[in-house]
Amino acid sequence: MDPPAQNRGPDRYLWRNSAGSFDTNFSSKSTWNFLRTLSPTVPWEKVIKKVGVDVPAECILCSQGIETHSHLFFECEFSSELWTSLTTVAVVRTEACNASKFFR
């Protein structure tokens, strides 16, 4: 791979698609569907354990709940404060109270 150089033009972001090749188009829906599991548990713990790192099941942000989509985005005290901060500067659907309602 050649190092970046100004004479080659601007950098381009390439995303690996489902066929395994690279593309300039990014789909958050495809990424979400690829990353999510059939259960609401976030699979990162299993991935990290495979490489030999022991990680507790509790939320690393607040240590108050098990890491699920619903907890990480809506129940975690840290996340709640972050969402509150974001709603002051952006238009966010604040009526959503869990992951399944939010991602509808």
Protein backbone atom coordinates (compact mmCIF):
# COMPACT_ATOMS: atom_id res chain seq x y z
CA MET A 1 0.00 0.00 0.00
CA ASP A 2 1.36 3.38 -0.98
CA PRO A 3 1.53 6.13 1.65
CA PRO A 4 -0.84 9.11 1.30
CA ALA A 5 0.32 11.91 -0.99
CA GLN A 6 -1.29 15.19 -2.07
CA ASN A 7 -0.76 14.44 -5.77
CA ARG A 8 -3.09 11.41 -5.47
CA GLY A 9 -6.08 13.56 -4.56
CA PRO A 10 -8.24 13.57 -1.43
CA ASP A 11 -8.59 10.56 0.83
CA ARG A 12 -11.56 8.28 0.25
CA TYR A 13 -13.33 6.18 2.86
CA LEU A 14 -13.92 2.62 1.71
CA TRP A 15 -16.35 0.31 3.49
CA ARG A 16 -16.32 -3.47 3.27
CA ASN A 17 -19.69 -4.63 1.94
CA SER A 18 -21.49 -7.93 2.55
CA ALA A 19 -19.75 -9.48 -0.47
CA GLY A 20 -16.36 -8.77 1.15
CA SER A 21 -15.24 -6.16 -1.38
CA PHE A 22 -14.75 -2.45 -0.71
CA ASP A 23 -17.22 0.27 -1.69
CA THR A 24 -17.55 4.03 -1.20
CA ASN A 25 -21.20 3.70 -0.06
CA PHE A 26 -21.91 3.21 3.64
CA SER A 27 -25.19 1.83 4.96
CA SER A 28 -25.87 2.28 8.67
CA LYS A 29 -28.84 -0.10 8.31
CA SER A 30 -26.65 -2.85 6.86
CA THR A 31 -24.06 -2.27 9.56
CA TRP A 32 -26.70 -2.38 12.30
CA ASN A 33 -28.19 -5.59 10.92
CA PHE A 34 -24.73 -7.13 10.66
CA LEU A 35 -23.72 -6.23 14.22
CA ARG A 36 -26.93 -6.98 16.10
CA THR A 37 -27.76 -10.43 17.37
CA LEU A 38 -31.10 -12.19 17.73
CA SER A 39 -31.05 -11.44 21.45
CA PRO A 40 -30.80 -7.91 22.87
CA THR A 41 -27.46 -8.67 24.55
CA VAL A 42 -24.54 -6.77 23.07
CA PRO A 43 -22.06 -9.39 21.74
CA TRP A 44 -18.84 -7.45 22.40
CA GLU A 45 -18.15 -9.39 25.60
CA LYS A 46 -18.00 -12.66 23.66
CA VAL A 47 -15.78 -11.15 20.98
CA ILE A 48 -13.34 -9.76 23.55
CA LYS A 49 -13.29 -13.01 25.54
CA LYS A 50 -12.29 -14.91 22.39
CA VAL A 51 -9.05 -12.93 22.30
CA GLY A 52 -8.37 -13.65 25.97
CA VAL A 53 -9.59 -10.52 27.77
CA ASP A 54 -11.90 -11.13 30.74
CA VAL A 55 -14.68 -8.54 30.75
CA PRO A 56 -17.52 -8.38 33.29
CA ALA A 57 -21.11 -8.51 31.97
CA GLU A 58 -21.96 -5.29 33.80
CA CYS A 59 -22.08 -1.97 31.98
CA ILE A 60 -18.58 -0.48 31.96
CA LEU A 61 -20.03 3.03 32.08
CA CYS A 62 -22.12 2.72 35.26
CA SER A 63 -21.65 -0.84 36.64
CA GLN A 64 -25.40 -0.85 37.39
CA GLY A 65 -26.82 -3.15 34.74
CA ILE A 66 -26.09 -5.84 32.18
CA GLU A 67 -24.93 -4.52 28.80
CA THR A 68 -27.97 -4.69 26.54
CA HIS A 69 -28.96 -2.29 23.77
CA SER A 70 -31.75 -0.96 25.97
CA HIS A 71 -29.44 -0.43 28.95
CA LEU A 72 -26.61 1.17 26.98
CA PHE A 73 -28.85 3.62 25.13
CA PHE A 74 -31.67 4.34 27.59
CA GLU A 75 -31.17 3.00 31.13
CA CYS A 76 -27.51 3.71 31.89
CA GLU A 77 -27.08 6.87 33.97
CA PHE A 78 -24.04 7.93 31.93
CA SER A 79 -25.91 7.41 28.63
CA SER A 80 -28.97 9.23 29.96
CA GLU A 81 -26.84 12.27 30.77
CA LEU A 82 -25.24 12.09 27.33
CA TRP A 83 -28.65 11.85 25.60
CA THR A 84 -29.90 14.81 27.66
CA SER A 85 -26.88 16.85 26.56
CA LEU A 86 -27.40 15.89 22.93
CA THR A 87 -31.08 16.82 22.94
CA THR A 88 -30.14 20.39 23.84
CA VAL A 89 -28.13 20.78 20.61
CA ALA A 90 -29.91 18.43 18.20
CA VAL A 91 -33.39 17.28 17.30
CA VAL A 92 -33.70 13.82 18.84
CA ARG A 93 -36.74 11.60 19.28
CA THR A 94 -36.93 11.86 23.07
CA GLU A 95 -40.18 9.90 23.40
CA ALA A 96 -38.31 6.64 22.73
CA CYS A 97 -37.66 4.86 26.02
CA ASN A 98 -36.10 1.62 24.79
CA ALA A 99 -34.08 0.31 21.86
CA SER A 100 -36.96 -1.33 20.01
CA LYS A 101 -39.03 1.90 20.04
CA PHE A 102 -36.06 4.11 19.16
CA PHE A 103 -34.93 2.11 16.11
CA ARG A 104 -38.42 1.74 14.59
